C-alpha atoms as a PDB file:
ATOM      1  CA  UNK A   1     105.893  62.737  43.020  1.00  0.00           C
ATOM      2  CA  UNK A   2     105.886  64.340  46.470  1.00  0.00           C
ATOM      3  CA  UNK A   3     106.362  68.071  46.895  1.00  0.00           C
ATOM      4  CA  UNK A   4     108.436  68.872  49.974  1.00  0.00           C
ATOM      5  CA  UNK A   5     108.196  72.648  49.812  1.00  0.00           C
ATOM      6  CA  UNK A   6     105.640  73.960  52.343  1.00  0.00           C
ATOM      7  CA  UNK A   7     102.871  76.273  51.194  1.00  0.00           C
ATOM      8  CA  UNK A   8     103.892  79.039  53.602  1.00  0.00           C
ATOM      9  CA  UNK A   9     107.084  79.670  51.629  1.00  0.00           C
ATOM     10  CA  UNK A  10     109.518  78.463  54.276  1.00  0.00           C
ATOM     11  CA  UNK A  11     112.685  76.540  53.461  1.00  0.00           C
ATOM     12  CA  UNK A  12     112.392  72.763  53.185  1.00  0.00           C
ATOM     13  CA  UNK A  13     112.954  70.921  56.453  1.00  0.00           C
ATOM     14  CA  UNK A  14     116.323  69.338  57.081  1.00  0.00           C
ATOM     15  CA  UNK A  15     114.785  65.856  57.009  1.00  0.00           C
ATOM     16  CA  UNK A  16     113.830  66.304  53.353  1.00  0.00           C
ATOM     17  CA  UNK A  17     117.382  66.822  52.089  1.00  0.00           C
ATOM     18  CA  UNK A  18     120.028  64.297  51.078  1.00  0.00           C
ATOM     19  CA  UNK A  19     118.019  61.477  52.644  1.00  0.00           C
ATOM     20  CA  UNK A  20     119.504  58.042  52.061  1.00  0.00           C
ATOM     21  CA  UNK A  21     122.781  59.276  50.613  1.00  0.00           C
ATOM     22  CA  UNK A  22     125.811  57.028  50.952  1.00  0.00           C
ATOM     23  CA  UNK A  23     129.184  58.714  50.497  1.00  0.00           C
ATOM     24  CA  UNK A  24     131.231  55.501  50.645  1.00  0.00           C
ATOM     25  CA  UNK A  25     130.284  54.586  47.079  1.00  0.00           C
ATOM     26  CA  UNK A  26     130.864  56.316  43.744  1.00  0.00           C
ATOM     27  CA  UNK A  27     129.364  59.780  43.426  1.00  0.00           C
ATOM     28  CA  UNK A  28     129.422  61.623  40.100  1.00  0.00           C
ATOM     29  CA  UNK A  29     128.581  65.319  39.852  1.00  0.00           C
ATOM     30  CA  UNK A  30     127.728  66.877  36.504  1.00  0.00           C
ATOM     31  CA  UNK A  31     128.382  70.625  36.675  1.00  0.00           C
ATOM     32  CA  UNK A  32     130.341  72.686  39.184  1.00  0.00           C
ATOM     33  CA  UNK A  33     128.083  75.650  39.971  1.00  0.00           C
ATOM     34  CA  UNK A  34     129.663  77.943  42.549  1.00  0.00           C
ATOM     35  CA  UNK A  35     131.739  75.056  43.925  1.00  0.00           C
ATOM     36  CA  UNK A  36     130.089  75.125  47.362  1.00  0.00           C
ATOM     37  CA  UNK A  37     128.312  71.828  46.808  1.00  0.00           C
ATOM     38  CA  UNK A  38     131.514  70.181  45.553  1.00  0.00           C
ATOM     39  CA  UNK A  39     133.338  71.300  48.678  1.00  0.00           C
ATOM     40  CA  UNK A  40     130.704  69.800  50.979  1.00  0.00           C
ATOM     41  CA  UNK A  41     130.534  66.552  49.039  1.00  0.00           C
ATOM     42  CA  UNK A  42     134.312  66.137  48.918  1.00  0.00           C
ATOM     43  CA  UNK A  43     134.519  66.378  52.704  1.00  0.00           C
ATOM     44  CA  UNK A  44     131.894  63.679  53.239  1.00  0.00           C
ATOM     45  CA  UNK A  45     133.283  61.419  50.513  1.00  0.00           C
ATOM     46  CA  UNK A  46     136.798  61.632  51.950  1.00  0.00           C
ATOM     47  CA  UNK A  47     135.524  60.821  55.449  1.00  0.00           C
ATOM     48  CA  UNK A  48     133.582  57.819  54.114  1.00  0.00           C
ATOM     49  CA  UNK A  49     136.401  56.526  51.874  1.00  0.00           C
ATOM     50  CA  UNK A  50     134.216  56.984  48.824  1.00  0.00           C
ATOM     51  CA  UNK A  51     135.024  58.325  45.383  1.00  0.00           C
ATOM     52  CA  UNK A  52     133.861  61.650  43.949  1.00  0.00           C
ATOM     53  CA  UNK A  53     134.041  62.447  40.235  1.00  0.00           C
ATOM     54  CA  UNK A  54     133.206  65.941  38.969  1.00  0.00           C
ATOM     55  CA  UNK A  55     132.479  66.289  35.262  1.00  0.00           C
ATOM     56  CA  UNK A  56     132.384  69.657  33.521  1.00  0.00           C
ATOM     57  CA  UNK A  57     133.032  70.973  30.032  1.00  0.00           C
ATOM     58  CA  UNK A  58     134.196  74.307  31.449  1.00  0.00           C
ATOM     59  CA  UNK A  59     137.917  74.139  32.078  1.00  0.00           C
ATOM     60  CA  UNK A  60     137.948  77.287  34.219  1.00  0.00           C
ATOM     61  CA  UNK A  61     135.536  75.677  36.687  1.00  0.00           C
ATOM     62  CA  UNK A  62     137.693  72.568  36.937  1.00  0.00           C
ATOM     63  CA  UNK A  63     140.863  74.629  37.387  1.00  0.00           C
ATOM     64  CA  UNK A  64     139.270  76.361  40.378  1.00  0.00           C
ATOM     65  CA  UNK A  65     138.693  72.960  42.012  1.00  0.00           C
ATOM     66  CA  UNK A  66     142.268  71.693  41.666  1.00  0.00           C
ATOM     67  CA  UNK A  67     143.324  72.746  45.207  1.00  0.00           C
ATOM     68  CA  UNK A  68     140.318  70.858  46.559  1.00  0.00           C
ATOM     69  CA  UNK A  69     141.189  67.784  44.489  1.00  0.00           C
ATOM     70  CA  UNK A  70     144.620  67.677  46.093  1.00  0.00           C
ATOM     71  CA  UNK A  71     143.054  67.370  49.553  1.00  0.00           C
ATOM     72  CA  UNK A  72     140.745  64.400  49.092  1.00  0.00           C
ATOM     73  CA  UNK A  73     139.273  61.657  46.931  1.00  0.00           C
ATOM     74  CA  UNK A  74     138.173  63.942  44.122  1.00  0.00           C
ATOM     75  CA  UNK A  75     138.710  63.310  40.408  1.00  0.00           C
ATOM     76  CA  UNK A  76     138.150  66.171  37.937  1.00  0.00           C
ATOM     77  CA  UNK A  77     137.108  65.196  34.407  1.00  0.00           C
ATOM     78  CA  UNK A  78     136.875  67.508  31.416  1.00  0.00           C
ATOM     79  CA  UNK A  79     133.990  66.115  29.371  1.00  0.00           C
ATOM     80  CA  UNK A  80     130.493  66.859  28.153  1.00  0.00           C
ATOM     81  CA  UNK A  81     127.949  65.906  30.842  1.00  0.00           C
ATOM     82  CA  UNK A  82     125.626  64.501  28.164  1.00  0.00           C
ATOM     83  CA  UNK A  83     128.102  61.648  27.655  1.00  0.00           C
ATOM     84  CA  UNK A  84     129.074  60.629  31.167  1.00  0.00           C
ATOM     85  CA  UNK A  85     132.609  59.152  31.047  1.00  0.00           C
ATOM     86  CA  UNK A  86     132.045  56.143  33.322  1.00  0.00           C
ATOM     87  CA  UNK A  87     131.177  52.459  32.797  1.00  0.00           C
ATOM     88  CA  UNK A  88     127.660  51.038  32.891  1.00  0.00           C
ATOM     89  CA  UNK A  89     126.108  50.579  36.345  1.00  0.00           C
ATOM     90  CA  UNK A  90     129.021  51.974  38.357  1.00  0.00           C
ATOM     91  CA  UNK A  91     127.550  55.095  40.005  1.00  0.00           C
ATOM     92  CA  UNK A  92     125.701  55.051  43.330  1.00  0.00           C
ATOM     93  CA  UNK A  93     124.664  58.723  43.275  1.00  0.00           C
ATOM     94  CA  UNK A  94     124.499  61.015  40.258  1.00  0.00           C
ATOM     95  CA  UNK A  95     124.187  64.733  41.035  1.00  0.00           C
ATOM     96  CA  UNK A  96     123.154  67.000  38.147  1.00  0.00           C
ATOM     97  CA  UNK A  97     124.121  70.490  39.259  1.00  0.00           C
ATOM     98  CA  UNK A  98     122.715  73.319  37.106  1.00  0.00           C
ATOM     99  CA  UNK A  99     123.163  71.347  33.875  1.00  0.00           C
ATOM    100  CA  UNK A 100     119.651  70.205  32.939  1.00  0.00           C
ATOM    101  CA  UNK A 101     118.626  73.697  31.773  1.00  0.00           C
ATOM    102  CA  UNK A 102     121.227  73.379  29.002  1.00  0.00           C
ATOM    103  CA  UNK A 103     119.559  70.286  27.541  1.00  0.00           C
ATOM    104  CA  UNK A 104     117.076  70.893  24.675  1.00  0.00           C
ATOM    105  CA  UNK A 105     113.722  69.295  25.434  1.00  0.00           C
ATOM    106  CA  UNK A 106     114.027  67.015  22.401  1.00  0.00           C
ATOM    107  CA  UNK A 107     117.193  65.565  23.968  1.00  0.00           C
ATOM    108  CA  UNK A 108     115.766  64.907  27.437  1.00  0.00           C
ATOM    109  CA  UNK A 109     115.040  61.221  26.805  1.00  0.00           C
ATOM    110  CA  UNK A 110     118.595  60.579  25.620  1.00  0.00           C
ATOM    111  CA  UNK A 111     120.054  62.425  28.615  1.00  0.00           C
ATOM    112  CA  UNK A 112     117.955  60.542  31.160  1.00  0.00           C
ATOM    113  CA  UNK A 113     118.770  57.264  29.443  1.00  0.00           C
ATOM    114  CA  UNK A 114     122.457  58.142  29.854  1.00  0.00           C
ATOM    115  CA  UNK A 115     121.869  58.766  33.567  1.00  0.00           C
ATOM    116  CA  UNK A 116     120.089  55.419  33.795  1.00  0.00           C
ATOM    117  CA  UNK A 117     123.009  53.689  32.073  1.00  0.00           C
ATOM    118  CA  UNK A 118     125.638  54.742  34.611  1.00  0.00           C
ATOM    119  CA  UNK A 119     123.613  54.159  37.784  1.00  0.00           C
ATOM    120  CA  UNK A 120     123.721  50.871  39.659  1.00  0.00           C
ATOM    121  CA  UNK A 121     120.316  49.265  40.321  1.00  0.00           C
ATOM    122  CA  UNK A 122     118.943  51.204  43.257  1.00  0.00           C
ATOM    123  CA  UNK A 123     121.185  54.188  42.501  1.00  0.00           C
ATOM    124  CA  UNK A 124     119.829  57.704  42.747  1.00  0.00           C
ATOM    125  CA  UNK A 125     119.866  60.740  40.515  1.00  0.00           C
ATOM    126  CA  UNK A 126     119.545  64.156  42.135  1.00  0.00           C
ATOM    127  CA  UNK A 127     118.916  67.156  39.885  1.00  0.00           C
ATOM    128  CA  UNK A 128     119.260  70.726  41.146  1.00  0.00           C
ATOM    129  CA  UNK A 129     118.386  73.619  38.826  1.00  0.00           C
ATOM    130  CA  UNK A 130     116.082  76.630  38.368  1.00  0.00           C
ATOM    131  CA  UNK A 131     112.603  77.131  36.953  1.00  0.00           C
ATOM    132  CA  UNK A 132     111.125  80.133  35.200  1.00  0.00           C
ATOM    133  CA  UNK A 133     110.804  83.169  37.498  1.00  0.00           C
ATOM    134  CA  UNK A 134     107.428  83.945  39.000  1.00  0.00           C
ATOM    135  CA  UNK A 135     105.533  87.209  38.598  1.00  0.00           C
ATOM    136  CA  UNK A 136     106.438  88.222  42.142  1.00  0.00           C
ATOM    137  CA  UNK A 137     108.037  91.621  42.644  1.00  0.00           C
ATOM    138  CA  UNK A 138     111.281  90.107  43.933  1.00  0.00           C
ATOM    139  CA  UNK A 139     111.715  88.218  40.621  1.00  0.00           C
ATOM    140  CA  UNK A 140     111.459  91.258  38.350  1.00  0.00           C
ATOM    141  CA  UNK A 141     115.178  91.852  37.805  1.00  0.00           C
ATOM    142  CA  UNK A 142     115.799  88.161  37.095  1.00  0.00           C
ATOM    143  CA  UNK A 143     112.854  87.979  34.707  1.00  0.00           C
ATOM    144  CA  UNK A 144     114.092  91.061  32.858  1.00  0.00           C
ATOM    145  CA  UNK A 145     117.540  89.497  32.550  1.00  0.00           C
ATOM    146  CA  UNK A 146     115.905  86.459  30.962  1.00  0.00           C
ATOM    147  CA  UNK A 147     113.965  88.662  28.573  1.00  0.00           C
ATOM    148  CA  UNK A 148     117.164  90.358  27.418  1.00  0.00           C
ATOM    149  CA  UNK A 149     119.131  87.119  27.111  1.00  0.00           C
ATOM    150  CA  UNK A 150     116.404  85.528  24.992  1.00  0.00           C
ATOM    151  CA  UNK A 151     116.281  88.605  22.758  1.00  0.00           C
ATOM    152  CA  UNK A 152     120.048  88.475  22.297  1.00  0.00           C
ATOM    153  CA  UNK A 153     119.994  84.739  21.655  1.00  0.00           C
ATOM    154  CA  UNK A 154     117.360  85.072  18.971  1.00  0.00           C
ATOM    155  CA  UNK A 155     119.194  87.948  17.264  1.00  0.00           C
ATOM    156  CA  UNK A 156     122.540  86.112  17.341  1.00  0.00           C
ATOM    157  CA  UNK A 157     120.986  82.745  16.477  1.00  0.00           C
ATOM    158  CA  UNK A 158     122.374  81.176  19.641  1.00  0.00           C
ATOM    159  CA  UNK A 159     120.608  78.859  22.100  1.00  0.00           C
ATOM    160  CA  UNK A 160     119.945  80.111  25.617  1.00  0.00           C
ATOM    161  CA  UNK A 161     119.768  78.038  28.793  1.00  0.00           C
ATOM    162  CA  UNK A 162     117.764  79.845  31.448  1.00  0.00           C
ATOM    163  CA  UNK A 163     115.438  77.381  33.159  1.00  0.00           C
ATOM    164  CA  UNK A 164     114.028  73.865  33.211  1.00  0.00           C
ATOM    165  CA  UNK A 165     110.571  72.781  32.142  1.00  0.00           C
ATOM    166  CA  UNK A 166     110.086  70.861  35.362  1.00  0.00           C
ATOM    167  CA  UNK A 167     106.913  69.017  34.373  1.00  0.00           C
ATOM    168  CA  UNK A 168     108.467  67.809  31.129  1.00  0.00           C
ATOM    169  CA  UNK A 169     111.644  66.735  32.941  1.00  0.00           C
ATOM    170  CA  UNK A 170     109.737  64.763  35.590  1.00  0.00           C
ATOM    171  CA  UNK A 171     107.541  63.027  33.017  1.00  0.00           C
ATOM    172  CA  UNK A 172     110.599  62.097  30.971  1.00  0.00           C
ATOM    173  CA  UNK A 173     112.367  60.689  34.041  1.00  0.00           C
ATOM    174  CA  UNK A 174     109.350  58.522  34.752  1.00  0.00           C
ATOM    175  CA  UNK A 175     109.073  57.363  31.135  1.00  0.00           C
ATOM    176  CA  UNK A 176     112.716  56.236  31.185  1.00  0.00           C
ATOM    177  CA  UNK A 177     112.003  54.132  34.271  1.00  0.00           C
ATOM    178  CA  UNK A 178     113.035  56.180  37.298  1.00  0.00           C
ATOM    179  CA  UNK A 179     110.950  55.502  40.395  1.00  0.00           C
ATOM    180  CA  UNK A 180     110.161  57.229  43.703  1.00  0.00           C
ATOM    181  CA  UNK A 181     110.337  60.729  42.231  1.00  0.00           C
ATOM    182  CA  UNK A 182     110.596  63.413  44.895  1.00  0.00           C
ATOM    183  CA  UNK A 183     110.433  67.175  44.365  1.00  0.00           C
ATOM    184  CA  UNK A 184     111.384  70.009  46.701  1.00  0.00           C
ATOM    185  CA  UNK A 185     111.875  73.730  46.194  1.00  0.00           C
ATOM    186  CA  UNK A 186     114.315  76.325  47.520  1.00  0.00           C
ATOM    187  CA  UNK A 187     114.122  80.118  47.236  1.00  0.00           C
ATOM    188  CA  UNK A 188     116.304  81.709  44.601  1.00  0.00           C
ATOM    189  CA  UNK A 189     119.546  83.231  45.796  1.00  0.00           C
ATOM    190  CA  UNK A 190     119.528  86.941  46.611  1.00  0.00           C
ATOM    191  CA  UNK A 191     120.854  89.142  43.827  1.00  0.00           C
ATOM    192  CA  UNK A 192     123.804  91.368  44.718  1.00  0.00           C
ATOM    193  CA  UNK A 193     125.592  94.404  43.330  1.00  0.00           C
ATOM    194  CA  UNK A 194     128.246  92.046  41.966  1.00  0.00           C
ATOM    195  CA  UNK A 195     125.554  90.098  40.125  1.00  0.00           C
ATOM    196  CA  UNK A 196     124.186  93.313  38.634  1.00  0.00           C
ATOM    197  CA  UNK A 197     127.614  94.493  37.518  1.00  0.00           C
ATOM    198  CA  UNK A 198     128.464  91.149  35.904  1.00  0.00           C
ATOM    199  CA  UNK A 199     125.066  90.959  34.214  1.00  0.00           C
ATOM    200  CA  UNK A 200     125.206  94.500  32.848  1.00  0.00           C
ATOM    201  CA  UNK A 201     128.753  94.023  31.547  1.00  0.00           C
ATOM    202  CA  UNK A 202     127.852  90.730  29.866  1.00  0.00           C
ATOM    203  CA  UNK A 203     124.794  92.240  28.181  1.00  0.00           C
ATOM    204  CA  UNK A 204     126.826  95.176  26.900  1.00  0.00           C
ATOM    205  CA  UNK A 205     129.457  92.860  25.452  1.00  0.00           C
ATOM    206  CA  UNK A 206     126.864  90.673  23.747  1.00  0.00           C
ATOM    207  CA  UNK A 207     124.966  93.708  22.456  1.00  0.00           C
ATOM    208  CA  UNK A 208     128.153  94.920  20.815  1.00  0.00           C
ATOM    209  CA  UNK A 209     127.958  91.898  18.495  1.00  0.00           C
ATOM    210  CA  UNK A 210     124.550  92.892  17.112  1.00  0.00           C
ATOM    211  CA  UNK A 211     124.410  94.066  13.519  1.00  0.00           C
ATOM    212  CA  UNK A 212     120.978  95.624  14.009  1.00  0.00           C
ATOM    213  CA  UNK A 213     121.762  99.007  15.505  1.00  0.00           C
ATOM    214  CA  UNK A 214     118.132  99.715  16.404  1.00  0.00           C
ATOM    215  CA  UNK A 215     117.923  96.477  18.367  1.00  0.00           C
ATOM    216  CA  UNK A 216     121.226  97.219  20.099  1.00  0.00           C
ATOM    217  CA  UNK A 217     119.992 100.657  21.149  1.00  0.00           C
ATOM    218  CA  UNK A 218     116.706  99.164  22.355  1.00  0.00           C
ATOM    219  CA  UNK A 219     118.521  96.670  24.596  1.00  0.00           C
ATOM    220  CA  UNK A 220     121.056  99.158  25.971  1.00  0.00           C
ATOM    221  CA  UNK A 221     118.799 102.188  26.359  1.00  0.00           C
ATOM    222  CA  UNK A 222     115.520 100.557  27.318  1.00  0.00           C
ATOM    223  CA  UNK A 223     115.800  96.921  28.397  1.00  0.00           C
ATOM    224  CA  UNK A 224     118.998  97.318  30.384  1.00  0.00           C
ATOM    225  CA  UNK A 225     117.778 100.452  32.137  1.00  0.00           C
ATOM    226  CA  UNK A 226     114.603  98.607  33.088  1.00  0.00           C
ATOM    227  CA  UNK A 227     116.667  95.771  34.586  1.00  0.00           C
ATOM    228  CA  UNK A 228     118.702  98.245  36.658  1.00  0.00           C
ATOM    229  CA  UNK A 229     115.513  99.941  37.836  1.00  0.00           C
ATOM    230  CA  UNK A 230     114.007  96.628  38.953  1.00  0.00           C
ATOM    231  CA  UNK A 231     117.182  95.772  40.863  1.00  0.00           C
ATOM    232  CA  UNK A 232     117.108  99.203  42.547  1.00  0.00           C
ATOM    233  CA  UNK A 233     113.728  98.324  44.063  1.00  0.00           C
ATOM    234  CA  UNK A 234     115.632  96.046  46.445  1.00  0.00           C
ATOM    235  CA  UNK A 235     115.159  92.498  47.688  1.00  0.00           C
ATOM    236  CA  UNK A 236     115.569  90.931  44.256  1.00  0.00           C
ATOM    237  CA  UNK A 237     116.127  87.203  43.919  1.00  0.00           C
ATOM    238  CA  UNK A 238     116.935  84.684  41.236  1.00  0.00           C
ATOM    239  CA  UNK A 239     114.240  82.279  40.128  1.00  0.00           C
ATOM    240  CA  UNK A 240     113.193  79.547  42.526  1.00  0.00           C
ATOM    241  CA  UNK A 241     115.346  76.440  42.548  1.00  0.00           C
ATOM    242  CA  UNK A 242     114.218  72.845  42.672  1.00  0.00           C
ATOM    243  CA  UNK A 243     115.641  69.473  43.625  1.00  0.00           C
ATOM    244  CA  UNK A 244     114.217  66.541  41.674  1.00  0.00           C
ATOM    245  CA  UNK A 245     115.240  63.037  42.747  1.00  0.00           C
ATOM    246  CA  UNK A 246     114.594  59.593  41.371  1.00  0.00           C
ATOM    247  CA  UNK A 247     115.769  56.016  41.853  1.00  0.00           C
ATOM    248  CA  UNK A 248     116.791  53.364  39.357  1.00  0.00           C
ATOM    249  CA  UNK A 249     114.910  50.140  39.997  1.00  0.00           C
ATOM    250  CA  UNK A 250     116.918  47.600  42.003  1.00  0.00           C
ATOM    251  CA  UNK A 251     118.633  47.265  45.356  1.00  0.00           C
ATOM    252  CA  UNK A 252     122.386  47.239  44.832  1.00  0.00           C
ATOM    253  CA  UNK A 253     123.004  50.818  46.039  1.00  0.00           C
ATOM    254  CA  UNK A 254     123.992  51.562  49.615  1.00  0.00           C
ATOM    255  CA  UNK A 255     121.977  53.822  51.946  1.00  0.00           C
ATOM    256  CA  UNK A 256     122.879  56.020  54.896  1.00  0.00           C
ATOM    257  CA  UNK A 257     122.010  59.495  56.134  1.00  0.00           C
ATOM    258  CA  UNK A 258     123.928  62.582  55.053  1.00  0.00           C
ATOM    259  CA  UNK A 259     125.281  65.006  57.692  1.00  0.00           C
ATOM    260  CA  UNK A 260     124.395  68.185  55.768  1.00  0.00           C
ATOM    261  CA  UNK A 261     121.202  69.455  54.179  1.00  0.00           C
ATOM    262  CA  UNK A 262     119.855  71.767  51.505  1.00  0.00           C
ATOM    263  CA  UNK A 263     119.683  74.527  54.093  1.00  0.00           C
ATOM    264  CA  UNK A 264     123.490  74.531  54.147  1.00  0.00           C
ATOM    265  CA  UNK A 265     123.428  75.508  50.461  1.00  0.00           C
ATOM    266  CA  UNK A 266     120.713  78.186  50.426  1.00  0.00           C
ATOM    267  CA  UNK A 267     122.121  81.314  48.827  1.00  0.00           C
ATOM    268  CA  UNK A 268     125.213  79.554  47.461  1.00  0.00           C
ATOM    269  CA  UNK A 269     124.202  77.319  44.558  1.00  0.00           C
ATOM    270  CA  UNK A 270     122.423  78.504  41.439  1.00  0.00           C
END
């Protein structure tokens, strides 16, 4: 597994991103994210006479993409990404966009086996997601958000999906049979006032569902104020993002260079 992120903290070079991608085949994207990636892919797929399928369980995300679907070769599918609605060995490129964090670790093997099933021999899987925040000062607001979300999830007996155990994911990919694993990192997107407002409002709504009044007061009067204080320090970012790629053994997939890179997406995709 080769790490493409330089030690000086700079963005990955353009040569490291989307290498060997062919847009004239069948590309399936699991997860919508902000929609920026879908927009870029749809342009390249349309120009190459390929086919792009976007799968999401969130209807609101798919509704937002309908105008884009009317412009090019884009099919929107409402389904659970863990059961990819395509035939065996029909996908040239599988893009997993912010979805892996939602998979429990005890289900990783089944999920990667499902990815293996749909890919043609030589097809590629490309996973983009986030890892746990570091202890750096610019990660404090994001880390505090995670602390609050986990506390709420435990109190409400609900699962939370905040990050990916990258080492476990890579080892599972390899155990399933994926080859040529490649790993690169991107800085987390910069947090904004809009992010803070949405986060605070969401935490207040979720806290209102707590039966334990003491816990509710602790979250609203201590944890939330600490999050706001960290954000006020300035320069706060989300956790670092990663791109993990692998190839299914074989040589049936096509290969050609992509005209855009990860640097086109910095600050846009979670």
